[in-house]
């Protein structure tokens, strides 16, 4: 198992280097950064001074080497708009996106896997048809429309949930990890816990609908494939109850494709929550990068792309390792 993990980690190194090369090239194709830095104060003389100060007059390979060195050291540059280090802003916005994505994925898994199992166990019945109709509706609804409807109905009309933000005014949570729900539990701040959970509920539910539908459909398909295998018929012939057959034999062997889709959807949620964060005014990376693009804040966009791509690589690595844990045959292949 250790050798398998080491090999997988080693394979991610060239991928991460390729990501840094892509983000460096991205900066080059966006044009001259002097115009973004100087704005209305742009003159050729000032631009030349900035190029010399930041080493932009050096050959591309020298610039890439310096960029790689600073990136590996944790320095992603400074925001043009706020003049703050990009890493300092990431420490604020990244935990917000992680909290939202994990909450949405938790809802998707808790709803999608049972729905897919029930649909497969009741194949071609009204229950199966109803479950797949629910999944089809979930995957077809645009997130921006669902989010707006939730805000209008449950926040504005009924007042059951807040419309924006992560905490109410006057509620304080001692920040440890940046995940307010977890930090509230660690600090035994139950008022902060319920307030953070209250703010998290609507955006997490809106973001979870499409992954939940995809997880349900993949689970149903994998379960139907497994339920037709010989060892399932043997288990039934031995007198095991249907629940034991499904829980102990079928579901465990149907988890590999489910783990794949859960891992991929987690990566998509971490990098694709732009619409949800915008609708619910959630202060995460999606809104942060959208604001940076509109203001031509190149270092922020560059750092955000690098973080998103790295997250995808790490999530895929975790999925690969989980394969070996779920199916021991894989680690010896």
Protein backbone atom coordinates (compact mmCIF):
# COMPACT_ATOMS: atom_id res chain seq x y z
CA UNK A 1 0.00 0.00 0.00
CA UNK A 2 2.83 2.40 0.86
CA UNK A 3 4.54 1.76 -2.48
CA UNK A 4 1.29 2.40 -4.33
CA UNK A 5 0.81 5.74 -2.53
CA UNK A 6 4.41 6.80 -3.20
CA UNK A 7 4.05 6.01 -6.92
CA UNK A 8 0.84 8.02 -7.15
CA UNK A 9 2.36 11.00 -5.36
CA UNK A 10 5.40 10.86 -7.65
CA UNK A 11 3.12 11.00 -10.70
CA UNK A 12 1.52 14.22 -9.43
CA UNK A 13 4.84 16.11 -9.40
CA UNK A 14 5.09 16.65 -13.20
CA UNK A 15 1.40 17.55 -13.25
CA UNK A 16 1.93 20.26 -10.64
CA UNK A 17 4.95 21.56 -12.56
CA UNK A 18 2.79 21.70 -15.68
CA UNK A 19 0.22 23.72 -13.75
CA UNK A 20 2.83 26.28 -12.72
CA UNK A 21 3.99 26.48 -16.36
CA UNK A 22 0.41 27.06 -17.50
CA UNK A 23 -0.26 29.79 -14.96
CA UNK A 24 3.03 31.49 -15.89
CA UNK A 25 2.09 31.36 -19.59
CA UNK A 26 -1.35 32.69 -18.68
CA UNK A 27 0.26 35.83 -17.31
CA UNK A 28 2.18 36.28 -20.56
CA UNK A 29 -0.79 35.95 -22.91
CA UNK A 30 -2.91 38.43 -20.95
CA UNK A 31 -0.74 41.26 -22.23
CA UNK A 32 1.61 43.75 -20.65
CA UNK A 33 1.10 43.78 -16.84
CA UNK A 34 2.37 47.37 -16.72
CA UNK A 35 -0.96 48.65 -18.01
CA UNK A 36 -2.80 46.81 -15.20
CA UNK A 37 -0.37 48.05 -12.56
CA UNK A 38 -0.29 51.70 -13.66
CA UNK A 39 -3.80 52.17 -14.97
CA UNK A 40 -4.38 55.78 -16.00
CA UNK A 41 -0.83 56.69 -14.93
CA UNK A 42 0.65 54.55 -17.70
CA UNK A 43 3.61 55.99 -19.56
CA UNK A 44 6.38 54.14 -21.43
CA UNK A 45 8.98 55.43 -18.96
CA UNK A 46 7.08 54.23 -15.88
CA UNK A 47 6.37 50.91 -17.58
CA UNK A 48 10.07 50.38 -18.24
CA UNK A 49 10.86 51.09 -14.57
CA UNK A 50 8.30 48.49 -13.46
CA UNK A 51 9.62 45.93 -15.94
CA UNK A 52 13.12 46.34 -14.51
CA UNK A 53 11.88 46.32 -10.89
CA UNK A 54 9.92 43.07 -11.28
CA UNK A 55 12.37 41.37 -13.64
CA UNK A 56 9.99 41.46 -16.62
CA UNK A 57 12.87 42.48 -18.88
CA UNK A 58 14.55 39.09 -18.32
CA UNK A 59 14.23 36.13 -20.75
CA UNK A 60 11.10 33.97 -20.26
CA UNK A 61 13.00 30.98 -18.84
CA UNK A 62 14.64 33.21 -16.22
CA UNK A 63 11.25 34.70 -15.31
CA UNK A 64 9.70 31.23 -15.04
CA UNK A 65 12.52 30.04 -12.78
CA UNK A 66 11.98 33.01 -10.48
CA UNK A 67 8.20 32.50 -10.57
CA UNK A 68 8.59 28.80 -9.72
CA UNK A 69 10.92 29.63 -6.84
CA UNK A 70 8.59 32.22 -5.33
CA UNK A 71 5.51 30.00 -5.84
CA UNK A 72 7.13 27.03 -4.12
CA UNK A 73 8.02 29.44 -1.31
CA UNK A 74 4.35 30.33 -0.90
CA UNK A 75 4.56 33.79 -2.46
CA UNK A 76 1.85 34.34 -5.11
CA UNK A 77 2.45 38.06 -5.52
CA UNK A 78 0.34 41.05 -4.52
CA UNK A 79 -3.13 42.02 -5.60
CA UNK A 80 -3.17 45.02 -7.94
CA UNK A 81 -6.52 46.15 -6.55
CA UNK A 82 -5.93 45.86 -2.78
CA UNK A 83 -2.09 45.80 -2.69
CA UNK A 84 -2.32 42.90 -0.23
CA UNK A 85 -0.47 39.58 -0.67
CA UNK A 86 -2.53 37.07 -2.63
CA UNK A 87 -1.80 34.38 -0.02
CA UNK A 88 -3.28 36.59 2.72
CA UNK A 89 -6.51 36.97 0.75
CA UNK A 90 -6.54 33.24 -0.02
CA UNK A 91 -6.49 32.48 3.72
CA UNK A 92 -9.81 34.34 3.98
CA UNK A 93 -11.69 33.23 0.85
CA UNK A 94 -10.45 29.65 0.39
CA UNK A 95 -11.87 28.28 3.70
CA UNK A 96 -15.25 29.80 2.83
CA UNK A 97 -15.33 27.94 -0.49
CA UNK A 98 -14.11 24.71 1.14
CA UNK A 99 -16.84 24.90 3.78
CA UNK A 100 -19.53 25.48 1.16
CA UNK A 101 -18.26 22.72 -1.15
CA UNK A 102 -17.90 20.14 1.64
CA UNK A 103 -21.38 20.91 2.97
CA UNK A 104 -22.85 20.59 -0.53
CA UNK A 105 -20.98 17.33 -1.15
CA UNK A 106 -22.15 15.93 2.20
CA UNK A 107 -25.76 16.67 1.25
CA UNK A 108 -25.22 15.17 -2.21
CA UNK A 109 -23.74 11.93 -0.83
CA UNK A 110 -26.31 11.54 1.94
CA UNK A 111 -29.16 12.06 -0.54
CA UNK A 112 -27.74 10.55 -3.74
CA UNK A 113 -26.38 7.20 -2.53
CA UNK A 114 -29.55 6.09 -0.67
CA UNK A 115 -31.69 7.27 -3.60
CA UNK A 116 -29.59 5.27 -6.07
CA UNK A 117 -29.58 2.15 -3.86
CA UNK A 118 -33.36 2.26 -3.38
CA UNK A 119 -33.91 2.77 -7.12
CA UNK A 120 -31.68 -0.21 -7.96
CA UNK A 121 -33.28 -2.43 -5.32
CA UNK A 122 -36.74 -1.59 -6.71
CA UNK A 123 -35.70 -1.76 -10.36
CA UNK A 124 -38.45 -0.96 -12.90
CA UNK A 125 -40.93 -0.13 -10.15
CA UNK A 126 -42.72 3.14 -9.43
CA UNK A 127 -40.09 3.85 -6.76
CA UNK A 128 -37.31 3.49 -9.34
CA UNK A 129 -39.13 5.72 -11.81
CA UNK A 130 -39.83 8.36 -9.16
CA UNK A 131 -36.22 8.36 -7.94
CA UNK A 132 -34.87 8.84 -11.46
CA UNK A 133 -37.38 11.61 -12.16
CA UNK A 134 -36.16 13.39 -9.03
CA UNK A 135 -32.55 12.91 -10.17
CA UNK A 136 -33.37 14.19 -13.66
CA UNK A 137 -35.04 17.29 -12.23
CA UNK A 138 -32.07 17.87 -9.92
CA UNK A 139 -29.49 17.67 -12.69
CA UNK A 140 -31.60 19.83 -15.05
CA UNK A 141 -32.27 22.80 -12.77
CA UNK A 142 -29.77 25.64 -13.29
CA UNK A 143 -28.04 26.54 -10.05
CA UNK A 144 -28.60 30.28 -10.54
CA UNK A 145 -32.36 29.78 -11.00
CA UNK A 146 -32.69 27.46 -8.01
CA UNK A 147 -30.61 29.80 -5.87
CA UNK A 148 -32.74 32.81 -6.78
CA UNK A 149 -35.94 30.86 -6.07
CA UNK A 150 -34.64 29.72 -2.68
CA UNK A 151 -33.63 33.26 -1.75
CA UNK A 152 -36.98 34.66 -2.84
CA UNK A 153 -39.18 31.99 -1.25
CA UNK A 154 -37.35 30.99 1.93
CA UNK A 155 -35.39 34.17 2.70
CA UNK A 156 -37.44 37.13 1.47
CA UNK A 157 -40.99 35.78 1.70
CA UNK A 158 -40.82 33.43 4.70
CA UNK A 159 -37.74 34.83 6.42
CA UNK A 160 -36.55 31.38 7.47
CA UNK A 161 -32.97 31.86 6.28
CA UNK A 162 -30.56 34.78 5.85
CA UNK A 163 -29.99 36.06 2.33
CA UNK A 164 -26.23 36.51 2.36
CA UNK A 165 -22.96 36.21 4.26
CA UNK A 166 -21.54 33.59 6.61
CA UNK A 167 -22.49 35.07 9.99
CA UNK A 168 -25.07 37.49 11.34
CA UNK A 169 -24.04 40.91 12.63
CA UNK A 170 -22.92 40.69 16.24
CA UNK A 171 -22.08 36.97 16.09
CA UNK A 172 -18.39 36.22 16.51
CA UNK A 173 -16.53 32.97 15.88
CA UNK A 174 -12.92 32.46 16.92
CA UNK A 175 -11.17 31.56 13.67
CA UNK A 176 -8.99 28.44 13.81
CA UNK A 177 -9.44 26.69 10.47
CA UNK A 178 -11.58 29.29 8.70
CA UNK A 179 -14.48 26.81 8.54
CA UNK A 180 -16.95 28.60 10.80
CA UNK A 181 -19.08 25.55 11.58
CA UNK A 182 -16.04 23.54 12.65
CA UNK A 183 -14.45 26.47 14.48
CA UNK A 184 -17.67 26.99 16.45
CA UNK A 185 -17.62 23.37 17.56
CA UNK A 186 -13.95 23.56 18.51
CA UNK A 187 -14.60 26.69 20.55
CA UNK A 188 -17.88 25.36 22.00
CA UNK A 189 -19.60 28.45 20.62
CA UNK A 190 -23.05 26.98 20.03
CA UNK A 191 -24.66 30.31 19.12
CA UNK A 192 -22.03 30.76 16.44
CA UNK A 193 -22.47 27.14 15.33
CA UNK A 194 -26.20 27.46 14.71
CA UNK A 195 -25.80 30.88 13.07
CA UNK A 196 -23.05 29.62 10.73
CA UNK A 197 -25.12 26.52 9.92
CA UNK A 198 -28.17 28.73 9.30
CA UNK A 199 -26.24 30.82 6.77
CA UNK A 200 -24.70 27.72 5.14
CA UNK A 201 -27.93 25.78 4.60
CA UNK A 202 -29.40 27.51 1.54
CA UNK A 203 -26.26 27.92 -0.59
CA UNK A 204 -25.11 24.37 0.25
CA UNK A 205 -28.50 22.93 -0.73
CA UNK A 206 -28.56 24.90 -3.98
CA UNK A 207 -25.03 23.77 -4.85
CA UNK A 208 -25.74 20.12 -3.95
CA UNK A 209 -28.64 19.43 -6.32
CA UNK A 210 -26.63 18.61 -9.45
CA UNK A 211 -23.99 16.44 -7.67
CA UNK A 212 -26.73 14.64 -5.74
CA UNK A 213 -28.52 13.77 -8.97
CA UNK A 214 -25.30 12.56 -10.60
CA UNK A 215 -24.35 10.47 -7.55
CA UNK A 216 -27.84 8.92 -7.50
CA UNK A 217 -27.70 7.92 -11.15
CA UNK A 218 -24.16 6.50 -10.92
CA UNK A 219 -25.05 4.58 -7.74
CA UNK A 220 -28.13 3.10 -9.37
CA UNK A 221 -26.17 2.05 -12.46
CA UNK A 222 -23.34 0.50 -10.42
CA UNK A 223 -25.78 -1.30 -8.12
CA UNK A 224 -27.72 -2.78 -11.04
CA UNK A 225 -24.49 -4.10 -12.51
CA UNK A 226 -23.41 -5.66 -9.19
CA UNK A 227 -26.83 -7.12 -8.34
CA UNK A 228 -26.63 -9.28 -11.46
CA UNK A 229 -23.36 -10.94 -10.43
CA UNK A 230 -23.06 -14.61 -9.42
CA UNK A 231 -21.90 -13.92 -5.85
CA UNK A 232 -25.08 -11.92 -5.20
CA UNK A 233 -27.20 -14.88 -6.31
CA UNK A 234 -25.06 -17.11 -4.07
CA UNK A 235 -25.60 -14.83 -1.09
CA UNK A 236 -29.35 -14.92 -1.66
CA UNK A 237 -29.26 -18.71 -2.09
CA UNK A 238 -27.53 -19.02 1.31
CA UNK A 239 -30.57 -17.40 2.88
CA UNK A 240 -29.26 -13.89 3.56
CA UNK A 241 -31.91 -11.21 3.81
CA UNK A 242 -32.22 -8.66 1.03
CA UNK A 243 -30.97 -5.82 3.23
CA UNK A 244 -27.85 -7.79 4.17
CA UNK A 245 -27.21 -8.68 0.53
CA UNK A 246 -27.46 -5.04 -0.54
CA UNK A 247 -25.55 -3.50 2.37
CA UNK A 248 -22.79 -6.08 2.90
CA UNK A 249 -22.21 -7.41 -0.61
CA UNK A 250 -23.68 -5.22 -3.35
CA UNK A 251 -23.03 -1.70 -2.07
CA UNK A 252 -19.44 -2.36 -1.03
CA UNK A 253 -18.58 -3.62 -4.52
CA UNK A 254 -20.47 -0.81 -6.26
CA UNK A 255 -18.57 1.97 -4.50
CA UNK A 256 -15.65 2.37 -6.94
CA UNK A 257 -17.54 4.34 -9.63
CA UNK A 258 -19.38 6.24 -6.89
CA UNK A 259 -16.08 7.27 -5.29
CA UNK A 260 -14.86 8.42 -8.72
CA UNK A 261 -17.83 10.67 -9.32
CA UNK A 262 -17.79 11.97 -5.73
CA UNK A 263 -14.12 12.93 -6.09
CA UNK A 264 -14.65 14.64 -9.43
CA UNK A 265 -17.75 16.47 -8.21
CA UNK A 266 -15.88 17.66 -5.12
CA UNK A 267 -13.24 19.18 -7.37
CA UNK A 268 -15.91 20.80 -9.51
CA UNK A 269 -17.67 22.20 -6.44
CA UNK A 270 -14.45 23.71 -5.10
CA UNK A 271 -13.76 25.42 -8.43
CA UNK A 272 -17.25 25.96 -9.82
CA UNK A 273 -19.22 27.62 -7.04
CA UNK A 274 -19.05 31.04 -8.73
CA UNK A 275 -22.79 31.40 -9.40
CA UNK A 276 -23.81 30.14 -5.97
CA UNK A 277 -21.35 32.42 -4.18
CA UNK A 278 -22.55 35.38 -6.26
CA UNK A 279 -26.26 34.77 -5.63
CA UNK A 280 -25.84 34.25 -1.88
CA UNK A 281 -23.05 36.86 -1.50
CA UNK A 282 -20.84 34.11 -0.10
CA UNK A 283 -17.32 35.50 0.40
CA UNK A 284 -15.46 32.64 -1.29
CA UNK A 285 -12.96 32.14 -4.08
CA UNK A 286 -15.56 32.23 -6.85
CA UNK A 287 -16.62 35.81 -6.17
CA UNK A 288 -13.03 36.76 -5.40
CA UNK A 289 -11.78 35.63 -8.83
CA UNK A 290 -14.77 37.10 -10.69
CA UNK A 291 -14.06 40.48 -9.08
CA UNK A 292 -10.37 40.07 -9.98
CA UNK A 293 -11.19 39.32 -13.63
CA UNK A 294 -13.47 42.35 -13.91
CA UNK A 295 -10.74 44.60 -12.44
CA UNK A 296 -7.89 42.96 -14.43
CA UNK A 297 -6.15 41.88 -11.22
CA UNK A 298 -3.73 39.43 -12.87
CA UNK A 299 -1.88 38.12 -9.75
CA UNK A 300 -5.18 37.20 -8.07
CA UNK A 301 -6.49 35.39 -11.17
CA UNK A 302 -3.16 33.63 -11.59
CA UNK A 303 -3.05 32.53 -7.94
CA UNK A 304 -6.69 31.42 -8.01
CA UNK A 305 -6.16 29.28 -11.12
CA UNK A 306 -3.09 27.71 -9.56
CA UNK A 307 -4.97 26.87 -6.35
CA UNK A 308 -7.99 25.46 -8.20
CA UNK A 309 -5.82 23.26 -10.42
CA UNK A 310 -3.80 22.04 -7.43
CA UNK A 311 -7.01 21.16 -5.59
CA UNK A 312 -8.13 19.06 -8.56
CA UNK A 313 -4.82 17.19 -8.59
CA UNK A 314 -4.98 16.54 -4.84
CA UNK A 315 -8.61 15.35 -5.04
CA UNK A 316 -7.73 12.94 -7.86
CA UNK A 317 -4.79 11.66 -5.80
CA UNK A 318 -7.10 10.99 -2.85
CA UNK A 319 -9.54 9.17 -5.16
CA UNK A 320 -6.72 6.97 -6.52
CA UNK A 321 -5.59 6.08 -2.99
CA UNK A 322 -9.16 5.33 -1.94
CA UNK A 323 -9.39 2.87 -4.87
CA UNK A 324 -6.55 0.83 -3.40
CA UNK A 325 -8.22 0.90 0.01
CA UNK A 326 -11.62 -0.18 -1.35
CA UNK A 327 -10.28 -2.81 -3.77
CA UNK A 328 -6.94 -4.42 -2.74
CA UNK A 329 -6.50 -5.85 -6.24
CA UNK A 330 -5.77 -2.35 -7.61
CA UNK A 331 -2.66 -1.78 -5.48
CA UNK A 332 -1.07 -4.93 -6.95
CA UNK A 333 -1.91 -4.13 -10.57
